Amino acid sequence: MPTLVATQFTCATRLQSGSLERPSRLATAFRMAQNLPSARKDSKILLLIGAFKLFKAGLLLALGLGALRLLHRDVAEQLEHWISETRVDPHNRYLHAAIAKLGLLDDRKLKEIGFGSFFYATLLLIEGAGLCLRKRWAEFFTIGMTASLLPLEVYELWRHVTPIRAALLIVNLAIVAYLVAMLRRERHADQAQNDSDSSHTVP
């Protein structure tokens, strides 16, 4: 008789556990289906941000290589040669002003520009590749790196306002704000998932 009672109790416990686990699994699957559109959107935007970072890295690599190629040369003369080859308007006053400024660069400054560009390009490559691969660490890394340069960008914009500087500042502010908001959404979703799983756990 005690054995029969124990068996009935065990069966009842298993049925109760199954009846609770089944809705929990269905609810989890339903929440995952609801989050799919948001996850897909986040993935597309992360790819876009990653591509933007990789594009900037490519520009900086080109700048660094160009600076190192000008070592031990007459910078102004070399720039005029490049301009004539690319058929850019040689009478452009902005171009003449740029040549005049760049012509003052010595080898020490060119090395600083070159290696500084390579260093920053490496960081951008890490950010871009990590974001394209949808790595969580890349999101934190990008927030930290981008936010750390915002004061410098604001100062440069305040010193001399240009459309390019203003656009870059707006884009970087938007990137930081979006990544912070996305990480908060993911954290809240993970917390809600853990709370739901713990509430449906049967001892």
Protein backbone atom coordinates (compact mmCIF):
# COMPACT_ATOMS: atom_id res chain seq x y z
CA MET A 1 0.00 0.00 0.00
CA PRO A 2 2.72 2.56 0.81
CA THR A 3 4.43 1.62 -2.45
CA LEU A 4 1.22 2.34 -4.41
CA VAL A 5 0.83 5.72 -2.73
CA ALA A 6 4.46 6.61 -3.48
CA THR A 7 4.02 5.61 -7.13
CA GLN A 8 0.87 7.72 -7.47
CA PHE A 9 2.64 10.67 -5.88
CA THR A 10 5.60 10.30 -8.27
CA CYS A 11 3.32 10.15 -11.32
CA ALA A 12 1.36 13.16 -10.14
CA THR A 13 4.58 15.08 -9.62
CA ARG A 14 5.83 14.22 -13.11
CA LEU A 15 2.52 15.23 -14.69
CA GLN A 16 2.52 18.47 -12.79
CA SER A 17 6.12 19.14 -13.81
CA GLY A 18 5.33 18.41 -17.45
CA SER A 19 2.25 20.61 -17.41
CA LEU A 20 4.35 23.47 -16.11
CA GLU A 21 7.37 22.93 -18.31
CA ARG A 22 5.34 22.76 -21.52
CA PRO A 23 3.80 26.27 -21.23
CA SER A 24 7.18 27.60 -20.12
CA ARG A 25 8.81 26.28 -23.29
CA LEU A 26 5.98 27.63 -25.44
CA ALA A 27 6.27 31.03 -23.78
CA THR A 28 10.02 31.07 -24.33
CA ALA A 29 9.59 30.16 -28.00
CA PHE A 30 6.92 32.85 -28.39
CA ARG A 31 9.22 35.50 -26.88
CA MET A 32 12.06 34.43 -29.15
CA ALA A 33 9.79 34.73 -32.20
CA GLN A 34 8.75 38.20 -31.10
CA ASN A 35 12.38 39.28 -30.75
CA LEU A 36 13.43 38.01 -34.20
CA PRO A 37 12.54 41.20 -36.16
CA SER A 38 14.38 43.37 -33.63
CA ALA A 39 17.41 41.06 -33.69
CA ARG A 40 17.52 41.11 -37.49
CA LYS A 41 17.31 44.90 -37.50
CA ASP A 42 20.11 45.16 -34.94
CA SER A 43 22.27 42.81 -37.02
CA LYS A 44 21.81 44.95 -40.14
CA ILE A 45 22.63 48.16 -38.30
CA LEU A 46 25.68 46.55 -36.69
CA LEU A 47 26.88 45.48 -40.13
CA LEU A 48 26.40 49.05 -41.35
CA ILE A 49 28.36 50.47 -38.41
CA GLY A 50 31.07 47.84 -38.91
CA ALA A 51 31.34 48.71 -42.60
CA PHE A 52 31.64 52.40 -41.71
CA LYS A 53 34.47 51.64 -39.28
CA LEU A 54 36.27 49.51 -41.87
CA PHE A 55 35.89 52.29 -44.45
CA LYS A 56 37.47 54.79 -42.05
CA ALA A 57 40.27 52.31 -41.37
CA GLY A 58 40.95 52.06 -45.10
CA LEU A 59 41.15 55.85 -45.42
CA LEU A 60 43.58 56.07 -42.51
CA LEU A 61 45.75 53.30 -43.93
CA ALA A 62 45.92 55.22 -47.21
CA LEU A 63 46.81 58.41 -45.31
CA GLY A 64 49.54 56.62 -43.36
CA LEU A 65 51.05 55.10 -46.48
CA GLY A 66 50.94 58.45 -48.24
CA ALA A 67 52.67 60.18 -45.34
CA LEU A 68 55.46 57.60 -45.23
CA ARG A 69 55.95 57.82 -49.00
CA LEU A 70 56.67 61.54 -48.60
CA LEU A 71 59.63 60.92 -46.28
CA HIS A 72 62.91 62.48 -47.47
CA ARG A 73 61.10 64.27 -50.30
CA ASP A 74 59.93 67.76 -51.10
CA VAL A 75 56.33 67.47 -49.90
CA ALA A 76 54.98 70.44 -51.86
CA GLU A 77 56.63 69.33 -55.08
CA GLN A 78 55.40 65.74 -54.66
CA LEU A 79 51.85 66.92 -53.97
CA GLU A 80 51.86 69.11 -57.06
CA HIS A 81 53.03 66.10 -59.07
CA TRP A 82 50.17 63.96 -57.72
CA ILE A 83 47.68 66.74 -58.45
CA SER A 84 48.85 67.03 -62.04
CA GLU A 85 48.53 63.25 -62.49
CA THR A 86 44.99 63.17 -61.07
CA ARG A 87 43.98 66.23 -63.18
CA VAL A 88 42.62 68.18 -60.25
CA ASP A 89 42.06 71.90 -60.83
CA PRO A 90 45.49 73.38 -59.99
CA HIS A 91 44.03 76.89 -59.53
CA ASN A 92 41.75 75.89 -56.66
CA ARG A 93 42.54 78.22 -53.73
CA TYR A 94 41.68 75.56 -51.15
CA LEU A 95 44.10 73.21 -52.82
CA HIS A 96 46.85 75.82 -52.80
CA ALA A 97 46.23 76.49 -49.10
CA ALA A 98 46.45 72.75 -48.37
CA ILE A 99 49.70 72.41 -50.31
CA ALA A 100 51.16 75.39 -48.46
CA LYS A 101 50.33 73.82 -45.09
CA LEU A 102 51.47 70.32 -46.02
CA GLY A 103 54.67 71.71 -47.51
CA LEU A 104 55.73 72.73 -44.00
CA LEU A 105 55.72 69.12 -42.77
CA ASP A 106 59.13 67.68 -41.98
CA ASP A 107 60.10 64.02 -41.72
CA ARG A 108 59.35 63.89 -37.99
CA LYS A 109 55.81 65.14 -38.52
CA LEU A 110 55.28 62.78 -41.44
CA LYS A 111 56.35 59.83 -39.30
CA GLU A 112 53.98 60.89 -36.54
CA ILE A 113 51.12 61.18 -39.02
CA GLY A 114 51.98 57.86 -40.64
CA PHE A 115 52.33 55.74 -37.52
CA GLY A 116 49.45 57.53 -35.78
CA SER A 117 47.22 56.71 -38.75
CA PHE A 118 48.29 53.07 -38.69
CA PHE A 119 47.59 52.81 -34.96
CA TYR A 120 44.12 54.32 -35.19
CA ALA A 121 43.36 52.29 -38.34
CA THR A 122 44.21 49.12 -36.41
CA LEU A 123 41.70 50.04 -33.70
CA LEU A 124 39.06 50.75 -36.33
CA LEU A 125 39.76 47.42 -38.02
CA ILE A 126 39.22 45.65 -34.68
CA GLU A 127 35.96 47.54 -34.12
CA GLY A 128 34.68 46.96 -37.64
CA ALA A 129 35.55 43.28 -37.81
CA GLY A 130 34.10 42.60 -34.36
CA LEU A 131 30.84 44.38 -35.16
CA CYS A 132 30.47 42.60 -38.50
CA LEU A 133 30.95 39.29 -36.66
CA ARG A 134 28.33 40.38 -34.09
CA LYS A 135 30.68 40.08 -31.10
CA ARG A 136 29.48 41.50 -27.80
CA TRP A 137 32.98 42.69 -26.82
CA ALA A 138 33.16 44.73 -30.03
CA GLU A 139 30.04 46.65 -29.02
CA PHE A 140 31.61 47.66 -25.69
CA PHE A 141 34.94 48.37 -27.39
CA THR A 142 33.31 50.57 -30.02
CA ILE A 143 31.35 52.53 -27.41
CA GLY A 144 34.51 53.18 -25.41
CA MET A 145 36.69 54.16 -28.37
CA THR A 146 34.09 56.31 -30.11
CA ALA A 147 32.97 58.08 -26.93
CA SER A 148 36.57 58.81 -25.91
CA LEU A 149 37.11 60.78 -29.14
CA LEU A 150 33.90 62.83 -28.93
CA PRO A 151 35.44 65.65 -26.81
CA LEU A 152 38.23 66.06 -29.38
CA GLU A 153 35.71 66.15 -32.23
CA VAL A 154 33.62 68.75 -30.40
CA TYR A 155 36.74 70.88 -29.83
CA GLU A 156 37.79 70.63 -33.48
CA LEU A 157 34.28 71.57 -34.59
CA TRP A 158 34.21 74.51 -32.20
CA ARG A 159 37.59 75.70 -33.45
CA HIS A 160 36.60 75.49 -37.11
CA VAL A 161 33.13 74.48 -38.26
CA THR A 162 32.98 72.41 -41.43
CA PRO A 163 30.17 70.23 -42.82
CA ILE A 164 32.38 67.12 -42.73
CA ARG A 165 33.34 67.58 -39.07
CA ALA A 166 29.73 68.25 -38.11
CA ALA A 167 28.52 65.18 -40.00
CA LEU A 168 31.17 62.93 -38.42
CA LEU A 169 30.29 64.18 -34.94
CA ILE A 170 26.58 63.50 -35.51
CA VAL A 171 27.29 60.02 -36.89
CA ASN A 172 29.56 59.10 -33.97
CA LEU A 173 27.04 60.40 -31.43
CA ALA A 174 24.34 58.30 -33.11
CA ILE A 175 26.59 55.21 -33.07
CA VAL A 176 27.30 55.53 -29.34
CA ALA A 177 23.64 56.19 -28.49
CA TYR A 178 22.43 53.26 -30.58
CA LEU A 179 24.93 50.75 -29.18
CA VAL A 180 24.22 51.80 -25.59
CA ALA A 181 20.47 51.47 -26.16
CA MET A 182 20.91 48.08 -27.83
CA LEU A 183 23.04 46.71 -24.99
CA ARG A 184 20.43 47.89 -22.48
CA ARG A 185 17.66 46.15 -24.43
CA GLU A 186 19.68 42.95 -24.56
CA ARG A 187 20.42 43.13 -20.84
CA HIS A 188 16.75 43.65 -19.97
CA ALA A 189 15.75 40.81 -22.31
CA ASP A 190 18.28 38.47 -20.71
CA GLN A 191 17.10 39.46 -17.23
CA ALA A 192 13.45 38.90 -18.19
CA GLN A 193 14.36 35.51 -19.64
CA ASN A 194 16.19 34.47 -16.48
CA ASP A 195 13.33 35.65 -14.28
CA SER A 196 10.82 33.75 -16.41
CA ASP A 197 12.87 30.55 -16.34
CA SER A 198 13.35 30.74 -12.58
CA SER A 199 9.63 31.35 -11.97
CA HIS A 200 8.69 28.27 -13.99
CA THR A 201 11.26 26.00 -12.39
CA VAL A 202 9.70 23.23 -10.34
CA PRO A 203 11.75 22.07 -7.32
